[in-house]
């Protein structure tokens, strides 16, 4: 029960890594807000683990502010924020990615981190405590071709994590990131080049020394540690959960 009496908001928690993190946090005693743009998916996960679902568009300021206010009203002060919601564009040469697709990646992967910080950091500062965990990617460390603007957004998130950590440390706030390799999430097909066949999977897995994808359970375990008091001296870290992909 490493997160007993903690209240956590997890965005993009209706599926994939976010759902895995939500399940682990609930199992470790946290009060969990399952936030997702897909309200039905959020409701399903929340019902499974005894959590509270909230529908949110993380790229919209008013929606993010409503999420924070709703969570605080229902569960009390927020202790942990996990910025997990993310999107990618379809594999393409950088100059062929549409402006709309670029704007969507920017809005969900990058602007959302600014918006959640703007909405929640003042309360963290007032309490002189709080934990933020950003879900970045190995793509921000070791980019794959034809996912250029997604790669760039995750590199930005890693740098943002470090910048946030150094600025917020004097206020008792820790900020870290996780860099997963691809997993069985809605984004997997895009990461593999737009196709999902046994041959392509084998080729992709050959780049991961441990020989498998990241799982929601892997992410939940790592996130639980970094958001727990056991990691009280850890801030500004972007930890790979990638089976050796970035070595």
Protein backbone atom coordinates (compact mmCIF):
# COMPACT_ATOMS: atom_id res chain seq x y z
CA UNK A 1 0.00 0.00 0.00
CA UNK A 2 2.70 2.44 -1.03
CA UNK A 3 0.19 5.08 -2.15
CA UNK A 4 -2.24 4.83 0.74
CA UNK A 5 -4.11 8.11 1.37
CA UNK A 6 -2.73 9.66 -1.84
CA UNK A 7 -5.02 11.15 -4.48
CA UNK A 8 -3.86 10.76 -8.07
CA UNK A 9 -5.07 12.04 -11.43
CA UNK A 10 -4.04 9.92 -14.42
CA UNK A 11 -4.80 11.24 -17.89
CA UNK A 12 -5.35 8.92 -20.82
CA UNK A 13 -6.27 6.24 -18.29
CA UNK A 14 -9.11 4.73 -20.28
CA UNK A 15 -6.78 2.28 -22.03
CA UNK A 16 -3.20 1.10 -22.47
CA UNK A 17 -0.43 2.34 -20.20
CA UNK A 18 -2.72 4.79 -18.41
CA UNK A 19 -5.13 2.04 -17.44
CA UNK A 20 -2.22 -0.05 -16.18
CA UNK A 21 -0.99 2.82 -14.03
CA UNK A 22 -4.50 3.43 -12.70
CA UNK A 23 -4.90 -0.24 -11.74
CA UNK A 24 -1.55 -0.31 -9.92
CA UNK A 25 -2.21 2.95 -8.08
CA UNK A 26 -5.61 1.73 -6.91
CA UNK A 27 -4.10 -1.59 -5.77
CA UNK A 28 -1.49 0.38 -3.78
CA UNK A 29 -4.16 2.33 -1.92
CA UNK A 30 -4.50 5.55 -3.92
CA UNK A 31 -7.72 7.39 -4.61
CA UNK A 32 -7.64 7.53 -8.40
CA UNK A 33 -9.17 9.85 -10.95
CA UNK A 34 -9.36 7.99 -14.28
CA UNK A 35 -9.31 10.85 -16.80
CA UNK A 36 -9.76 10.30 -20.52
CA UNK A 37 -11.31 12.01 -23.53
CA UNK A 38 -13.29 8.78 -23.99
CA UNK A 39 -15.69 9.00 -21.09
CA UNK A 40 -17.06 5.51 -21.62
CA UNK A 41 -13.58 3.97 -21.49
CA UNK A 42 -12.76 5.99 -18.36
CA UNK A 43 -15.96 4.76 -16.76
CA UNK A 44 -15.16 1.13 -17.53
CA UNK A 45 -11.68 1.28 -15.98
CA UNK A 46 -12.92 3.30 -13.00
CA UNK A 47 -15.70 0.78 -12.29
CA UNK A 48 -13.18 -2.07 -12.42
CA UNK A 49 -10.86 -0.56 -9.81
CA UNK A 50 -13.22 1.49 -7.65
CA UNK A 51 -12.00 4.83 -8.98
CA UNK A 52 -13.63 8.05 -10.19
CA UNK A 53 -13.98 8.69 -13.94
CA UNK A 54 -13.64 12.16 -15.46
CA UNK A 55 -13.97 13.09 -19.12
CA UNK A 56 -11.27 15.55 -20.19
CA UNK A 57 -9.71 17.06 -23.29
CA UNK A 58 -6.15 17.60 -22.06
CA UNK A 59 -5.44 20.10 -24.83
CA UNK A 60 -8.22 22.45 -23.73
CA UNK A 61 -7.59 24.83 -20.83
CA UNK A 62 -11.18 24.97 -19.59
CA UNK A 63 -11.50 21.18 -19.70
CA UNK A 64 -8.27 20.70 -17.76
CA UNK A 65 -9.28 23.26 -15.14
CA UNK A 66 -12.64 21.54 -14.75
CA UNK A 67 -10.89 18.18 -14.31
CA UNK A 68 -8.67 19.56 -11.53
CA UNK A 69 -11.59 21.29 -9.81
CA UNK A 70 -13.83 18.23 -10.04
CA UNK A 71 -11.13 15.94 -8.69
CA UNK A 72 -10.38 18.28 -5.80
CA UNK A 73 -14.06 18.72 -4.93
CA UNK A 74 -14.71 14.98 -4.96
CA UNK A 75 -11.54 13.61 -3.39
CA UNK A 76 -9.75 16.50 -1.71
CA UNK A 77 -6.26 17.86 -2.43
CA UNK A 78 -4.40 16.23 -5.31
CA UNK A 79 -1.07 14.59 -4.46
CA UNK A 80 -0.03 13.02 -7.79
CA UNK A 81 -0.52 13.95 -11.43
CA UNK A 82 0.37 11.52 -14.22
CA UNK A 83 0.46 13.17 -17.65
CA UNK A 84 -0.07 10.02 -19.71
CA UNK A 85 -2.44 11.09 -22.50
CA UNK A 86 -0.66 11.10 -25.85
CA UNK A 87 -1.13 10.72 -29.59
CA UNK A 88 1.04 10.23 -32.65
CA UNK A 89 0.73 10.90 -36.35
CA UNK A 90 0.75 8.17 -38.96
CA UNK A 91 4.23 7.20 -40.19
CA UNK A 92 5.31 9.64 -42.89
CA UNK A 93 8.27 11.67 -44.01
CA UNK A 94 8.48 14.80 -41.89
CA UNK A 95 7.53 17.15 -44.72
CA UNK A 96 4.44 15.10 -45.54
CA UNK A 97 2.85 15.24 -42.08
CA UNK A 98 -0.15 17.56 -42.31
CA UNK A 99 -0.33 20.74 -40.29
CA UNK A 100 -3.49 19.43 -38.61
CA UNK A 101 -1.68 16.27 -37.51
CA UNK A 102 1.28 18.30 -36.24
CA UNK A 103 -1.04 20.61 -34.28
CA UNK A 104 -2.80 17.60 -32.72
CA UNK A 105 0.50 16.07 -31.55
CA UNK A 106 1.61 19.45 -30.15
CA UNK A 107 -1.72 20.00 -28.40
CA UNK A 108 -2.04 16.60 -26.72
CA UNK A 109 1.60 15.68 -26.08
CA UNK A 110 3.04 19.07 -25.19
CA UNK A 111 0.48 21.78 -24.48
CA UNK A 112 -1.33 19.43 -22.08
CA UNK A 113 1.72 19.36 -19.78
CA UNK A 114 1.68 23.16 -19.66
CA UNK A 115 -2.07 23.26 -19.01
CA UNK A 116 -2.04 20.72 -16.20
CA UNK A 117 0.94 22.47 -14.57
CA UNK A 118 -0.79 25.83 -14.84
CA UNK A 119 -3.91 24.40 -13.21
CA UNK A 120 -2.31 22.28 -10.46
CA UNK A 121 1.12 23.64 -9.54
CA UNK A 122 -0.24 26.58 -7.48
CA UNK A 123 -2.02 24.11 -5.18
CA UNK A 124 1.11 21.97 -4.96
CA UNK A 125 3.17 25.04 -4.04
CA UNK A 126 0.67 26.06 -1.39
CA UNK A 127 1.00 22.63 0.24
CA UNK A 128 4.78 22.43 -0.36
CA UNK A 129 4.34 18.95 -1.81
CA UNK A 130 3.25 17.07 -4.92
CA UNK A 131 4.45 14.66 -7.59
CA UNK A 132 4.20 14.99 -11.37
CA UNK A 133 5.01 12.07 -13.65
CA UNK A 134 5.21 12.66 -17.39
CA UNK A 135 4.95 9.67 -19.73
CA UNK A 136 7.50 10.38 -22.44
CA UNK A 137 8.97 7.69 -24.71
CA UNK A 138 12.12 6.05 -25.98
CA UNK A 139 11.22 8.00 -29.13
CA UNK A 140 12.52 11.09 -27.37
CA UNK A 141 15.89 9.41 -26.74
CA UNK A 142 16.40 7.14 -29.77
CA UNK A 143 14.00 8.26 -32.53
CA UNK A 144 12.62 5.94 -35.18
CA UNK A 145 12.29 7.23 -38.77
CA UNK A 146 9.04 8.65 -40.13
CA UNK A 147 7.65 9.57 -36.72
CA UNK A 148 9.61 12.79 -36.60
CA UNK A 149 7.15 15.18 -34.93
CA UNK A 150 6.04 12.54 -32.42
CA UNK A 151 9.70 11.89 -31.58
CA UNK A 152 10.22 15.63 -31.15
CA UNK A 153 7.22 15.97 -28.84
CA UNK A 154 8.58 13.28 -26.54
CA UNK A 155 12.05 14.84 -26.54
CA UNK A 156 10.33 18.07 -25.52
CA UNK A 157 8.56 16.24 -22.69
CA UNK A 158 11.86 14.90 -21.36
CA UNK A 159 13.39 18.39 -21.35
CA UNK A 160 10.21 19.84 -19.82
CA UNK A 161 10.42 17.25 -17.05
CA UNK A 162 13.96 18.28 -16.18
CA UNK A 163 13.13 21.99 -16.35
CA UNK A 164 10.06 21.53 -14.17
CA UNK A 165 12.03 19.45 -11.68
CA UNK A 166 14.73 22.04 -11.10
CA UNK A 167 12.24 24.89 -10.77
CA UNK A 168 9.80 23.09 -8.49
CA UNK A 169 12.23 21.25 -6.19
CA UNK A 170 12.48 24.17 -3.72
CA UNK A 171 8.70 23.91 -3.26
CA UNK A 172 8.82 20.23 -2.32
CA UNK A 173 7.48 19.11 -5.71
CA UNK A 174 9.10 16.24 -7.61
CA UNK A 175 8.84 15.79 -11.39
CA UNK A 176 9.97 12.68 -13.26
CA UNK A 177 9.28 10.92 -16.55
CA UNK A 178 9.05 7.38 -17.88
CA UNK A 179 10.29 6.37 -21.33
CA UNK A 180 8.49 3.21 -22.42
CA UNK A 181 9.19 1.35 -25.60
CA UNK A 182 6.07 0.52 -27.64
CA UNK A 183 3.40 -1.61 -26.01
CA UNK A 184 0.04 -3.16 -26.77
CA UNK A 185 -1.69 0.21 -26.95
CA UNK A 186 -3.78 1.95 -29.63
CA UNK A 187 -0.56 3.59 -30.92
CA UNK A 188 1.36 0.35 -31.58
CA UNK A 189 0.39 0.01 -35.24
CA UNK A 190 1.70 3.50 -36.01
CA UNK A 191 4.97 2.83 -34.19
CA UNK A 192 5.55 -0.24 -36.33
CA UNK A 193 5.17 1.73 -39.54
CA UNK A 194 1.43 1.58 -40.06
CA UNK A 195 1.13 -2.20 -40.37
CA UNK A 196 0.80 -4.95 -37.76
CA UNK A 197 1.90 -8.34 -39.11
CA UNK A 198 3.85 -11.17 -37.44
CA UNK A 199 6.86 -10.33 -39.65
CA UNK A 200 6.84 -6.64 -38.74
CA UNK A 201 6.37 -7.47 -35.05
CA UNK A 202 9.36 -9.80 -35.16
CA UNK A 203 11.49 -7.13 -36.81
CA UNK A 204 10.39 -4.51 -34.27
CA UNK A 205 10.96 -6.82 -31.28
CA UNK A 206 14.47 -7.58 -32.56
CA UNK A 207 15.39 -3.99 -31.58
CA UNK A 208 14.42 -4.64 -27.94
CA UNK A 209 17.09 -6.73 -26.17
CA UNK A 210 14.66 -8.24 -23.65
CA UNK A 211 12.52 -9.27 -26.61
CA UNK A 212 9.07 -8.02 -25.69
CA UNK A 213 6.98 -4.87 -25.63
CA UNK A 214 6.43 -2.69 -22.57
CA UNK A 215 3.23 -3.70 -20.78
CA UNK A 216 0.72 -1.68 -18.77
CA UNK A 217 1.91 -3.63 -15.72
CA UNK A 218 5.53 -2.59 -16.37
CA UNK A 219 4.44 1.02 -16.52
CA UNK A 220 2.25 0.75 -13.44
CA UNK A 221 5.10 -0.71 -11.37
CA UNK A 222 7.61 1.94 -12.45
CA UNK A 223 5.11 4.77 -12.02
CA UNK A 224 4.15 3.56 -8.55
CA UNK A 225 7.77 3.66 -7.41
CA UNK A 226 8.51 7.13 -8.80
CA UNK A 227 5.29 8.55 -7.33
CA UNK A 228 5.75 6.94 -3.91
CA UNK A 229 7.64 8.27 -0.91
CA UNK A 230 10.29 5.62 -1.60
CA UNK A 231 11.46 7.87 -4.46
CA UNK A 232 11.55 10.96 -2.29
CA UNK A 233 15.10 11.86 -3.39
CA UNK A 234 14.46 11.29 -7.11
CA UNK A 235 13.51 14.19 -9.34
CA UNK A 236 14.33 15.19 -12.92
CA UNK A 237 14.78 11.57 -14.03
CA UNK A 238 13.54 10.20 -17.35
CA UNK A 239 13.66 6.47 -16.67
CA UNK A 240 13.62 3.98 -19.53
CA UNK A 241 11.13 1.12 -19.24
CA UNK A 242 12.26 -0.35 -22.52
CA UNK A 243 13.96 -3.72 -22.11
CA UNK A 244 17.29 -2.23 -23.17
CA UNK A 245 16.04 -0.52 -26.34
CA UNK A 246 18.05 2.67 -25.68
CA UNK A 247 21.35 1.04 -24.71
